[in-house]
Amino acid sequence: MTKFDKVFAAVILGFIIPVIVFCAFWWLSFLLKIDSRLWMVAGLFAGIILCIVLLRKLKRVDRFYTANYFPLAVLYTVYSFGIFGFFMGVPVFNVIPGILAGVYVGRKVKLLKQPISNFRSELKKAAIFSALILFLICCCSAWLALADPHTAANLQGMLKLSFEAADTVIWLLIVIGGASLLLLQHMFLLLAGKWAYQR
């Protein structure tokens, strides 16, 4: 296992834990109607401590590369919806988890010394799963855009249109944009996987 593999595993696992705990404390403060700033800070510190404890218990980060499909799928989904929420419903940056999935598959197959046929099979599975998640994200984004009465005016200002964007224009942007994102993610995932496998 190279230094890159260790850093990659530590970053993927180490980043998500503080974020989840931070968000949980933040949302809880709203539910309990208490000082949100204090709870946000407490959540961040609790997340960092929990992250350190869990990573120490793992001891060897190479277990990340032998994990079952289910925890990996959950991790991928959490990252995807986290990015979607962070960028306020704009799915452009949701190709990033797909790229990371490609890197993971490439390094996993290489580290486990599996044949090239396994690499192709695993990469295909990752591409299908990531496409399904991105499709779901795009559907959520489309629903938000269609439900927002200001979408047409926002598009008119953003694209500097001389006319108000009708529903047809919005639908065209949704379909073309969504299809383009799915295609881009697929290409980037395959390229990232091949690059990681050949390292």
C-alpha atoms as a PDB file:
ATOM      1  CA  MET A   1       0.000   0.000   0.000  1.00  0.00           C
ATOM      2  CA  THR A   2       1.381   3.374  -1.033  1.00  0.00           C
ATOM      3  CA  LYS A   3       1.233   6.632   0.902  1.00  0.00           C
ATOM      4  CA  PHE A   4      -1.407   7.818  -1.568  1.00  0.00           C
ATOM      5  CA  ASP A   5      -3.682   4.891  -0.617  1.00  0.00           C
ATOM      6  CA  LYS A   6      -3.371   5.661   3.093  1.00  0.00           C
ATOM      7  CA  VAL A   7      -4.001   9.381   2.635  1.00  0.00           C
ATOM      8  CA  PHE A   8      -6.935   8.734   0.294  1.00  0.00           C
ATOM      9  CA  ALA A   9      -8.586   6.348   2.773  1.00  0.00           C
ATOM     10  CA  ALA A  10      -7.947   8.647   5.750  1.00  0.00           C
ATOM     11  CA  VAL A  11      -9.382  11.692   3.953  1.00  0.00           C
ATOM     12  CA  ILE A  12     -12.513   9.885   2.710  1.00  0.00           C
ATOM     13  CA  LEU A  13     -13.240   8.338   6.110  1.00  0.00           C
ATOM     14  CA  GLY A  14     -11.968  11.211   8.227  1.00  0.00           C
ATOM     15  CA  PHE A  15     -13.846  14.021   6.515  1.00  0.00           C
ATOM     16  CA  ILE A  16     -17.353  12.568   6.589  1.00  0.00           C
ATOM     17  CA  ILE A  17     -17.563  11.779  10.331  1.00  0.00           C
ATOM     18  CA  PRO A  18     -17.097  15.359  11.653  1.00  0.00           C
ATOM     19  CA  VAL A  19     -19.483  16.681   8.986  1.00  0.00           C
ATOM     20  CA  ILE A  20     -22.264  14.231   9.937  1.00  0.00           C
ATOM     21  CA  VAL A  21     -21.913  14.921  13.682  1.00  0.00           C
ATOM     22  CA  PHE A  22     -21.692  18.677  13.044  1.00  0.00           C
ATOM     23  CA  CYS A  23     -24.927  18.626  10.999  1.00  0.00           C
ATOM     24  CA  ALA A  24     -26.661  16.389  13.567  1.00  0.00           C
ATOM     25  CA  PHE A  25     -25.855  18.811  16.412  1.00  0.00           C
ATOM     26  CA  TRP A  26     -26.842  21.787  14.262  1.00  0.00           C
ATOM     27  CA  TRP A  27     -30.236  20.331  13.301  1.00  0.00           C
ATOM     28  CA  LEU A  28     -30.817  19.203  16.891  1.00  0.00           C
ATOM     29  CA  SER A  29     -30.277  22.766  18.118  1.00  0.00           C
ATOM     30  CA  PHE A  30     -33.077  23.948  15.826  1.00  0.00           C
ATOM     31  CA  LEU A  31     -35.404  21.199  17.032  1.00  0.00           C
ATOM     32  CA  LEU A  32     -34.687  21.981  20.696  1.00  0.00           C
ATOM     33  CA  LYS A  33     -34.684  25.754  20.028  1.00  0.00           C
ATOM     34  CA  ILE A  34     -31.363  26.366  21.761  1.00  0.00           C
ATOM     35  CA  ASP A  35     -28.224  28.339  20.887  1.00  0.00           C
ATOM     36  CA  SER A  36     -27.240  26.905  17.502  1.00  0.00           C
ATOM     37  CA  ARG A  37     -23.734  28.431  17.463  1.00  0.00           C
ATOM     38  CA  LEU A  38     -22.720  26.680  20.674  1.00  0.00           C
ATOM     39  CA  TRP A  39     -24.076  23.365  19.447  1.00  0.00           C
ATOM     40  CA  MET A  40     -22.393  23.755  16.053  1.00  0.00           C
ATOM     41  CA  VAL A  41     -19.005  24.186  17.744  1.00  0.00           C
ATOM     42  CA  ALA A  42     -19.755  21.296  20.122  1.00  0.00           C
ATOM     43  CA  GLY A  43     -20.778  19.130  17.172  1.00  0.00           C
ATOM     44  CA  LEU A  44     -17.577  19.918  15.292  1.00  0.00           C
ATOM     45  CA  PHE A  45     -15.375  19.016  18.281  1.00  0.00           C
ATOM     46  CA  ALA A  46     -17.426  15.879  19.002  1.00  0.00           C
ATOM     47  CA  GLY A  47     -17.107  14.857  15.357  1.00  0.00           C
ATOM     48  CA  ILE A  48     -13.334  15.327  15.341  1.00  0.00           C
ATOM     49  CA  ILE A  49     -12.949  13.315  18.566  1.00  0.00           C
ATOM     50  CA  LEU A  50     -15.198  10.538  17.232  1.00  0.00           C
ATOM     51  CA  CYS A  51     -13.240  10.532  13.976  1.00  0.00           C
ATOM     52  CA  ILE A  52      -9.915  10.106  15.819  1.00  0.00           C
ATOM     53  CA  VAL A  53     -11.332   7.299  17.992  1.00  0.00           C
ATOM     54  CA  LEU A  54     -12.822   5.403  15.042  1.00  0.00           C
ATOM     55  CA  LEU A  55      -9.719   5.749  12.867  1.00  0.00           C
ATOM     56  CA  ARG A  56      -7.546   4.495  15.745  1.00  0.00           C
ATOM     57  CA  LYS A  57      -9.856   1.511  16.191  1.00  0.00           C
ATOM     58  CA  LEU A  58      -9.509   0.713  12.517  1.00  0.00           C
ATOM     59  CA  LYS A  59      -5.722   0.757  13.097  1.00  0.00           C
ATOM     60  CA  ARG A  60      -5.071  -0.230   9.526  1.00  0.00           C
ATOM     61  CA  VAL A  61      -6.694   1.898   6.832  1.00  0.00           C
ATOM     62  CA  ASP A  62      -6.270  -0.957   4.347  1.00  0.00           C
ATOM     63  CA  ARG A  63      -9.547  -2.316   5.743  1.00  0.00           C
ATOM     64  CA  PHE A  64     -11.159   0.484   3.780  1.00  0.00           C
ATOM     65  CA  TYR A  65     -10.187  -1.347   0.600  1.00  0.00           C
ATOM     66  CA  THR A  66     -11.790  -4.620   1.728  1.00  0.00           C
ATOM     67  CA  ALA A  67     -15.077  -3.113   2.937  1.00  0.00           C
ATOM     68  CA  ASN A  68     -18.421  -4.598   1.897  1.00  0.00           C
ATOM     69  CA  TYR A  69     -20.613  -2.939  -0.705  1.00  0.00           C
ATOM     70  CA  PHE A  70     -23.290  -1.716   1.732  1.00  0.00           C
ATOM     71  CA  PRO A  71     -21.166   0.646   3.900  1.00  0.00           C
ATOM     72  CA  LEU A  72     -19.480   1.947   0.755  1.00  0.00           C
ATOM     73  CA  ALA A  73     -22.868   2.604  -0.852  1.00  0.00           C
ATOM     74  CA  VAL A  74     -24.043   4.441   2.276  1.00  0.00           C
ATOM     75  CA  LEU A  75     -20.823   6.491   2.361  1.00  0.00           C
ATOM     76  CA  TYR A  76     -21.200   7.389  -1.320  1.00  0.00           C
ATOM     77  CA  THR A  77     -24.853   8.383  -0.877  1.00  0.00           C
ATOM     78  CA  VAL A  78     -24.087  10.556   2.164  1.00  0.00           C
ATOM     79  CA  TYR A  79     -21.294  12.333   0.289  1.00  0.00           C
ATOM     80  CA  SER A  80     -23.536  12.865  -2.753  1.00  0.00           C
ATOM     81  CA  PHE A  81     -26.441  14.378  -0.856  1.00  0.00           C
ATOM     82  CA  GLY A  82     -24.043  16.356   1.345  1.00  0.00           C
ATOM     83  CA  ILE A  83     -22.486  17.977  -1.739  1.00  0.00           C
ATOM     84  CA  PHE A  84     -25.957  18.531  -3.206  1.00  0.00           C
ATOM     85  CA  GLY A  85     -27.078  20.315  -0.039  1.00  0.00           C
ATOM     86  CA  PHE A  86     -23.861  22.299   0.348  1.00  0.00           C
ATOM     87  CA  PHE A  87     -24.226  23.749  -3.155  1.00  0.00           C
ATOM     88  CA  MET A  88     -27.889  24.532  -2.518  1.00  0.00           C
ATOM     89  CA  GLY A  89     -29.446  22.068  -4.938  1.00  0.00           C
ATOM     90  CA  VAL A  90     -27.089  22.650  -7.878  1.00  0.00           C
ATOM     91  CA  PRO A  91     -25.909  19.172  -8.977  1.00  0.00           C
ATOM     92  CA  VAL A  92     -22.867  20.260 -11.035  1.00  0.00           C
ATOM     93  CA  PHE A  93     -20.374  19.252  -8.329  1.00  0.00           C
ATOM     94  CA  ASN A  94     -22.018  15.864  -7.800  1.00  0.00           C
ATOM     95  CA  VAL A  95     -19.653  14.352 -10.356  1.00  0.00           C
ATOM     96  CA  ILE A  96     -16.948  14.493  -7.641  1.00  0.00           C
ATOM     97  CA  PRO A  97     -18.131  11.367  -5.737  1.00  0.00           C
ATOM     98  CA  GLY A  98     -18.094   9.498  -9.058  1.00  0.00           C
ATOM     99  CA  ILE A  99     -14.452  10.421  -9.620  1.00  0.00           C
ATOM    100  CA  LEU A 100     -13.587   9.307  -6.075  1.00  0.00           C
ATOM    101  CA  ALA A 101     -15.423   6.020  -6.678  1.00  0.00           C
ATOM    102  CA  GLY A 102     -13.321   5.434  -9.786  1.00  0.00           C
ATOM    103  CA  VAL A 103     -10.103   6.039  -7.838  1.00  0.00           C
ATOM    104  CA  TYR A 104     -11.289   3.714  -5.065  1.00  0.00           C
ATOM    105  CA  VAL A 105     -12.092   0.855  -7.457  1.00  0.00           C
ATOM    106  CA  GLY A 106      -8.785   1.223  -9.284  1.00  0.00           C
ATOM    107  CA  ARG A 107      -6.705   1.173  -6.110  1.00  0.00           C
ATOM    108  CA  LYS A 108      -8.774  -1.585  -4.480  1.00  0.00           C
ATOM    109  CA  VAL A 109      -8.335  -3.995  -7.388  1.00  0.00           C
ATOM    110  CA  LYS A 110      -4.636  -3.141  -7.669  1.00  0.00           C
ATOM    111  CA  LEU A 111      -3.972  -3.583  -3.937  1.00  0.00           C
ATOM    112  CA  LEU A 112      -5.853  -6.881  -3.772  1.00  0.00           C
ATOM    113  CA  LYS A 113      -3.971  -8.049  -6.889  1.00  0.00           C
ATOM    114  CA  GLN A 114      -7.153  -9.036  -8.660  1.00  0.00           C
ATOM    115  CA  PRO A 115      -7.213  -9.755 -12.420  1.00  0.00           C
ATOM    116  CA  ILE A 116      -8.096  -7.127 -15.019  1.00  0.00           C
ATOM    117  CA  SER A 117     -11.485  -8.792 -15.521  1.00  0.00           C
ATOM    118  CA  ASN A 118     -12.372  -7.966 -11.898  1.00  0.00           C
ATOM    119  CA  PHE A 119     -11.299  -4.380 -12.444  1.00  0.00           C
ATOM    120  CA  ARG A 120     -13.630  -4.005 -15.419  1.00  0.00           C
ATOM    121  CA  SER A 121     -16.497  -5.663 -13.544  1.00  0.00           C
ATOM    122  CA  GLU A 122     -16.044  -3.542 -10.398  1.00  0.00           C
ATOM    123  CA  LEU A 123     -15.683  -0.349 -12.417  1.00  0.00           C
ATOM    124  CA  LYS A 124     -18.888  -1.149 -14.304  1.00  0.00           C
ATOM    125  CA  LYS A 125     -20.765  -1.696 -11.010  1.00  0.00           C
ATOM    126  CA  ALA A 126     -19.422   1.591  -9.630  1.00  0.00           C
ATOM    127  CA  ALA A 127     -20.430   3.425 -12.811  1.00  0.00           C
ATOM    128  CA  ILE A 128     -23.987   2.050 -12.680  1.00  0.00           C
ATOM    129  CA  PHE A 129     -24.444   2.833  -8.980  1.00  0.00           C
ATOM    130  CA  SER A 130     -22.998   6.342  -9.268  1.00  0.00           C
ATOM    131  CA  ALA A 131     -25.198   7.021 -12.308  1.00  0.00           C
ATOM    132  CA  LEU A 132     -28.298   5.978 -10.350  1.00  0.00           C
ATOM    133  CA  ILE A 133     -27.415   8.268  -7.439  1.00  0.00           C
ATOM    134  CA  LEU A 134     -26.638  11.180  -9.768  1.00  0.00           C
ATOM    135  CA  PHE A 135     -29.917  10.585 -11.627  1.00  0.00           C
ATOM    136  CA  LEU A 136     -31.755  10.780  -8.293  1.00  0.00           C
ATOM    137  CA  ILE A 137     -29.869  13.976  -7.416  1.00  0.00           C
ATOM    138  CA  CYS A 138     -30.778  15.486 -10.802  1.00  0.00           C
ATOM    139  CA  CYS A 139     -34.442  14.579 -10.237  1.00  0.00           C
ATOM    140  CA  CYS A 140     -34.364  16.358  -6.860  1.00  0.00           C
ATOM    141  CA  SER A 141     -32.724  19.391  -8.465  1.00  0.00           C
ATOM    142  CA  ALA A 142     -35.320  19.402 -11.261  1.00  0.00           C
ATOM    143  CA  TRP A 143     -38.164  19.238  -8.747  1.00  0.00           C
ATOM    144  CA  LEU A 144     -36.702  22.182  -6.811  1.00  0.00           C
ATOM    145  CA  ALA A 145     -36.290  24.204 -10.018  1.00  0.00           C
ATOM    146  CA  LEU A 146     -39.833  23.510 -11.213  1.00  0.00           C
ATOM    147  CA  ALA A 147     -41.349  24.183  -7.791  1.00  0.00           C
ATOM    148  CA  ASP A 148     -39.554  27.525  -7.412  1.00  0.00           C
ATOM    149  CA  PRO A 149     -41.621  30.373  -8.942  1.00  0.00           C
ATOM    150  CA  HIS A 150     -38.447  32.461  -9.405  1.00  0.00           C
ATOM    151  CA  THR A 151     -36.563  29.912 -11.549  1.00  0.00           C
ATOM    152  CA  ALA A 152     -37.540  31.556 -14.859  1.00  0.00           C
ATOM    153  CA  ALA A 153     -36.422  35.011 -13.683  1.00  0.00           C
ATOM    154  CA  ASN A 154     -33.183  33.602 -12.228  1.00  0.00           C
ATOM    155  CA  LEU A 155     -32.357  31.864 -15.514  1.00  0.00           C
ATOM    156  CA  GLN A 156     -33.151  35.005 -17.476  1.00  0.00           C
ATOM    157  CA  GLY A 157     -30.714  37.013 -15.367  1.00  0.00           C
ATOM    158  CA  MET A 158     -28.023  34.324 -15.190  1.00  0.00           C
ATOM    159  CA  LEU A 159     -28.030  33.542 -18.931  1.00  0.00           C
ATOM    160  CA  LYS A 160     -28.773  37.178 -19.885  1.00  0.00           C
ATOM    161  CA  LEU A 161     -31.756  36.188 -21.987  1.00  0.00           C
ATOM    162  CA  SER A 162     -33.759  38.883 -23.763  1.00  0.00           C
ATOM    163  CA  PHE A 163     -36.932  36.922 -23.037  1.00  0.00           C
ATOM    164  CA  GLU A 164     -38.436  35.230 -19.997  1.00  0.00           C
ATOM    165  CA  ALA A 165     -37.539  31.538 -19.798  1.00  0.00           C
ATOM    166  CA  ALA A 166     -40.694  29.523 -20.441  1.00  0.00           C
ATOM    167  CA  ASP A 167     -41.380  26.082 -18.965  1.00  0.00           C
ATOM    168  CA  THR A 168     -40.144  24.509 -22.214  1.00  0.00           C
ATOM    169  CA  VAL A 169     -36.754  26.209 -21.837  1.00  0.00           C
ATOM    170  CA  ILE A 170     -36.508  25.100 -18.207  1.00  0.00           C
ATOM    171  CA  TRP A 171     -37.341  21.508 -19.149  1.00  0.00           C
ATOM    172  CA  LEU A 172     -34.762  21.564 -21.966  1.00  0.00           C
ATOM    173  CA  LEU A 173     -32.081  22.821 -19.578  1.00  0.00           C
ATOM    174  CA  ILE A 174     -33.020  20.143 -17.044  1.00  0.00           C
ATOM    175  CA  VAL A 175     -32.879  17.303 -19.589  1.00  0.00           C
ATOM    176  CA  ILE A 176     -29.747  18.472 -21.442  1.00  0.00           C
ATOM    177  CA  GLY A 177     -27.957  19.462 -18.230  1.00  0.00           C
ATOM    178  CA  GLY A 178     -28.817  16.207 -16.467  1.00  0.00           C
ATOM    179  CA  ALA A 179     -27.770  14.056 -19.430  1.00  0.00           C
ATOM    180  CA  SER A 180     -24.501  16.001 -19.759  1.00  0.00           C
ATOM    181  CA  LEU A 181     -23.709  15.522 -16.070  1.00  0.00           C
ATOM    182  CA  LEU A 182     -24.381  11.781 -16.279  1.00  0.00           C
ATOM    183  CA  LEU A 183     -22.120  11.487 -19.329  1.00  0.00           C
ATOM    184  CA  LEU A 184     -19.352  13.581 -17.752  1.00  0.00           C
ATOM    185  CA  GLN A 185     -19.442  11.592 -14.527  1.00  0.00           C
ATOM    186  CA  HIS A 186     -19.270   8.312 -16.443  1.00  0.00           C
ATOM    187  CA  MET A 187     -16.242   9.506 -18.433  1.00  0.00           C
ATOM    188  CA  PHE A 188     -14.444  10.928 -15.384  1.00  0.00           C
ATOM    189  CA  LEU A 189     -15.147   7.796 -13.321  1.00  0.00           C
ATOM    190  CA  LEU A 190     -13.666   5.529 -16.001  1.00  0.00           C
ATOM    191  CA  LEU A 191     -10.629   7.772 -16.473  1.00  0.00           C
ATOM    192  CA  ALA A 192     -10.040   8.038 -12.711  1.00  0.00           C
ATOM    193  CA  GLY A 193     -10.392   4.270 -12.319  1.00  0.00           C
ATOM    194  CA  LYS A 194      -7.889   3.512 -15.088  1.00  0.00           C
ATOM    195  CA  TRP A 195      -5.452   6.114 -13.748  1.00  0.00           C
ATOM    196  CA  ALA A 196      -5.661   4.690 -10.208  1.00  0.00           C
ATOM    197  CA  TYR A 197      -5.304   1.103 -11.426  1.00  0.00           C
ATOM    198  CA  GLN A 198      -2.178   1.930 -13.435  1.00  0.00           C
ATOM    199  CA  ARG A 199      -0.439   3.795 -10.564  1.00  0.00           C
END
